[in-house]
Amino acid sequence: PLWQFGFRHRSSTLHPILGVMQELRCKRACAYWCVATFLDFRKAFDKVYIPCVLPKLAPGGHLLYSVFSSYLHDKCIQVAFEDIISTPRPVTAGAPQGGILSPFLISLYISDLP
């Protein structure tokens, strides 16, 4: 969406601030009341819920969906400490840390927020 500025080339925190200021000026000139909500997602990469992201990729076609599905599915985590290894557990949330596609996944995950 056009109103998302995170993880975009040639975009900074200044862009949404200027956009909000311009919108407020327009509304004030027309005597409208305005309410603004600002969100800061903590640990955003950890909270991307994969079953919610994949359906949003379906309109992009089968190839796009398949690539992301294989990138995100069938991941598991296992912990080793000294001589003990835990049972593998499936990973159902989280965008891969440092992954080049992870910022896109976060933007897609929150794209339907008003």
C-alpha atoms as a PDB file:
ATOM      1  CA  PRO A   1       0.000   0.000   0.000  1.00  0.00           C
ATOM      2  CA  LEU A   2       1.037   3.555  -0.671  1.00  0.00           C
ATOM      3  CA  TRP A   3       0.703   4.529   2.983  1.00  0.00           C
ATOM      4  CA  GLN A   4       3.388   2.088   4.144  1.00  0.00           C
ATOM      5  CA  PHE A   5       6.865   3.582   4.143  1.00  0.00           C
ATOM      6  CA  GLY A   6       8.901   0.950   5.974  1.00  0.00           C
ATOM      7  CA  PHE A   7      11.422  -1.103   4.027  1.00  0.00           C
ATOM      8  CA  ARG A   8      11.050   0.963   0.866  1.00  0.00           C
ATOM      9  CA  HIS A   9      13.817   2.345  -1.316  1.00  0.00           C
ATOM     10  CA  ARG A  10      14.236   6.126  -1.027  1.00  0.00           C
ATOM     11  CA  SER A  11      11.786   6.307   1.853  1.00  0.00           C
ATOM     12  CA  SER A  12      12.395   7.504   5.394  1.00  0.00           C
ATOM     13  CA  THR A  13      10.470   8.438   8.516  1.00  0.00           C
ATOM     14  CA  LEU A  14      10.153  11.936   7.091  1.00  0.00           C
ATOM     15  CA  HIS A  15       7.773  10.781   4.345  1.00  0.00           C
ATOM     16  CA  PRO A  16       4.893   9.616   6.562  1.00  0.00           C
ATOM     17  CA  ILE A  17       5.310  12.672   8.806  1.00  0.00           C
ATOM     18  CA  LEU A  18       4.987  15.010   5.830  1.00  0.00           C
ATOM     19  CA  GLY A  19       2.006  13.025   4.545  1.00  0.00           C
ATOM     20  CA  VAL A  20       0.208  13.266   7.892  1.00  0.00           C
ATOM     21  CA  MET A  21       0.931  16.980   8.164  1.00  0.00           C
ATOM     22  CA  GLN A  22      -0.425  17.596   4.669  1.00  0.00           C
ATOM     23  CA  GLU A  23      -3.558  15.569   5.375  1.00  0.00           C
ATOM     24  CA  LEU A  24      -4.141  17.429   8.660  1.00  0.00           C
ATOM     25  CA  ARG A  25      -3.797  20.789   6.912  1.00  0.00           C
ATOM     26  CA  CYS A  26      -6.345  19.772   4.275  1.00  0.00           C
ATOM     27  CA  LYS A  27      -8.824  18.507   6.851  1.00  0.00           C
ATOM     28  CA  ARG A  28      -8.375  21.552   9.072  1.00  0.00           C
ATOM     29  CA  ALA A  29      -9.021  23.836   6.097  1.00  0.00           C
ATOM     30  CA  CYS A  30     -12.326  22.013   5.580  1.00  0.00           C
ATOM     31  CA  ALA A  31     -13.137  22.168   9.328  1.00  0.00           C
ATOM     32  CA  TYR A  32     -12.934  18.373   9.791  1.00  0.00           C
ATOM     33  CA  TRP A  33     -11.819  16.622  12.968  1.00  0.00           C
ATOM     34  CA  CYS A  34      -8.870  14.272  12.598  1.00  0.00           C
ATOM     35  CA  VAL A  35      -7.608  11.314  14.585  1.00  0.00           C
ATOM     36  CA  ALA A  36      -4.205   9.754  13.939  1.00  0.00           C
ATOM     37  CA  THR A  37      -2.900   6.401  15.126  1.00  0.00           C
ATOM     38  CA  PHE A  38       0.784   5.533  15.048  1.00  0.00           C
ATOM     39  CA  LEU A  39       1.977   1.961  15.424  1.00  0.00           C
ATOM     40  CA  ASP A  40       5.405   0.627  16.280  1.00  0.00           C
ATOM     41  CA  PHE A  41       5.511  -3.133  15.979  1.00  0.00           C
ATOM     42  CA  ARG A  42       7.974  -4.653  18.404  1.00  0.00           C
ATOM     43  CA  LYS A  43       9.657  -7.832  17.232  1.00  0.00           C
ATOM     44  CA  ALA A  44       7.767  -7.564  13.955  1.00  0.00           C
ATOM     45  CA  PHE A  45       9.899 -10.205  12.239  1.00  0.00           C
ATOM     46  CA  ASP A  46       9.066 -12.709  14.988  1.00  0.00           C
ATOM     47  CA  LYS A  47       5.319 -12.119  14.819  1.00  0.00           C
ATOM     48  CA  VAL A  48       4.537 -12.655  11.149  1.00  0.00           C
ATOM     49  CA  TYR A  49       1.973 -15.473  11.277  1.00  0.00           C
ATOM     50  CA  ILE A  50       2.677 -17.599   8.217  1.00  0.00           C
ATOM     51  CA  PRO A  51      -0.874 -19.016   7.743  1.00  0.00           C
ATOM     52  CA  CYS A  52      -2.142 -15.410   7.424  1.00  0.00           C
ATOM     53  CA  VAL A  53       0.541 -14.281   4.972  1.00  0.00           C
ATOM     54  CA  LEU A  54       0.338 -17.063   2.399  1.00  0.00           C
ATOM     55  CA  PRO A  55      -3.307 -16.479   1.341  1.00  0.00           C
ATOM     56  CA  LYS A  56      -2.418 -12.844   0.602  1.00  0.00           C
ATOM     57  CA  LEU A  57       0.068 -14.092  -1.999  1.00  0.00           C
ATOM     58  CA  ALA A  58      -2.491 -16.164  -3.918  1.00  0.00           C
ATOM     59  CA  PRO A  59      -3.635 -13.283  -6.186  1.00  0.00           C
ATOM     60  CA  GLY A  60      -0.018 -12.992  -7.383  1.00  0.00           C
ATOM     61  CA  GLY A  61      -0.265 -16.352  -9.107  1.00  0.00           C
ATOM     62  CA  HIS A  62       0.732 -19.936  -8.455  1.00  0.00           C
ATOM     63  CA  LEU A  63       4.472 -19.415  -8.974  1.00  0.00           C
ATOM     64  CA  LEU A  64       4.707 -16.589  -6.423  1.00  0.00           C
ATOM     65  CA  TYR A  65       2.624 -18.536  -3.935  1.00  0.00           C
ATOM     66  CA  SER A  66       4.726 -21.682  -4.425  1.00  0.00           C
ATOM     67  CA  VAL A  67       8.038 -19.869  -3.968  1.00  0.00           C
ATOM     68  CA  PHE A  68       6.961 -18.234  -0.717  1.00  0.00           C
ATOM     69  CA  SER A  69       5.233 -21.359   0.511  1.00  0.00           C
ATOM     70  CA  SER A  70       8.400 -23.419   0.125  1.00  0.00           C
ATOM     71  CA  TYR A  71      10.422 -20.581   1.692  1.00  0.00           C
ATOM     72  CA  LEU A  72       8.202 -20.459   4.788  1.00  0.00           C
ATOM     73  CA  HIS A  73       6.845 -23.990   5.260  1.00  0.00           C
ATOM     74  CA  ASP A  74       8.403 -27.068   6.790  1.00  0.00           C
ATOM     75  CA  LYS A  75      10.698 -25.163   9.123  1.00  0.00           C
ATOM     76  CA  CYS A  76      11.442 -26.492  12.577  1.00  0.00           C
ATOM     77  CA  ILE A  77      13.488 -25.457  15.564  1.00  0.00           C
ATOM     78  CA  GLN A  78      15.584 -27.640  17.810  1.00  0.00           C
ATOM     79  CA  VAL A  79      17.655 -26.662  20.848  1.00  0.00           C
ATOM     80  CA  ALA A  80      20.895 -28.321  21.919  1.00  0.00           C
ATOM     81  CA  PHE A  81      22.430 -27.809  25.362  1.00  0.00           C
ATOM     82  CA  GLU A  82      25.469 -29.810  26.384  1.00  0.00           C
ATOM     83  CA  ASP A  83      24.555 -33.422  25.520  1.00  0.00           C
ATOM     84  CA  ILE A  84      20.798 -32.888  25.371  1.00  0.00           C
ATOM     85  CA  ILE A  85      18.910 -32.175  22.143  1.00  0.00           C
ATOM     86  CA  SER A  86      15.255 -31.176  22.231  1.00  0.00           C
ATOM     87  CA  THR A  87      12.512 -32.593  20.074  1.00  0.00           C
ATOM     88  CA  PRO A  88      12.075 -30.633  16.821  1.00  0.00           C
ATOM     89  CA  ARG A  89       9.133 -28.224  16.940  1.00  0.00           C
ATOM     90  CA  PRO A  90       7.405 -26.711  13.891  1.00  0.00           C
ATOM     91  CA  VAL A  91       7.790 -22.979  13.286  1.00  0.00           C
ATOM     92  CA  THR A  92       4.432 -21.349  12.448  1.00  0.00           C
ATOM     93  CA  ALA A  93       5.359 -17.706  12.933  1.00  0.00           C
ATOM     94  CA  GLY A  94       8.233 -15.458  12.094  1.00  0.00           C
ATOM     95  CA  ALA A  95       9.948 -14.160   9.008  1.00  0.00           C
ATOM     96  CA  PRO A  96      13.504 -15.451   8.601  1.00  0.00           C
ATOM     97  CA  GLN A  97      15.923 -13.102  10.376  1.00  0.00           C
ATOM     98  CA  GLY A  98      18.121 -11.344   7.852  1.00  0.00           C
ATOM     99  CA  GLY A  99      16.128 -12.774   4.967  1.00  0.00           C
ATOM    100  CA  ILE A 100      15.928 -10.512   1.945  1.00  0.00           C
ATOM    101  CA  LEU A 101      12.195 -11.256   1.637  1.00  0.00           C
ATOM    102  CA  SER A 102      11.379 -10.687   5.317  1.00  0.00           C
ATOM    103  CA  PRO A 103      10.645  -6.924   5.052  1.00  0.00           C
ATOM    104  CA  PHE A 104       8.251  -7.678   2.193  1.00  0.00           C
ATOM    105  CA  LEU A 105       6.516 -10.320   4.316  1.00  0.00           C
ATOM    106  CA  ILE A 106       6.020  -7.855   7.171  1.00  0.00           C
ATOM    107  CA  SER A 107       4.583  -5.239   4.812  1.00  0.00           C
ATOM    108  CA  LEU A 108       2.262  -7.840   3.336  1.00  0.00           C
ATOM    109  CA  TYR A 109       1.234  -9.103   6.782  1.00  0.00           C
ATOM    110  CA  ILE A 110       0.072  -5.647   7.910  1.00  0.00           C
ATOM    111  CA  SER A 111      -1.181  -4.487   4.501  1.00  0.00           C
ATOM    112  CA  ASP A 112      -4.862  -4.843   5.365  1.00  0.00           C
ATOM    113  CA  LEU A 113      -4.690  -2.685   8.474  1.00  0.00           C
ATOM    114  CA  PRO A 114      -6.871   0.406   8.074  1.00  0.00           C
END
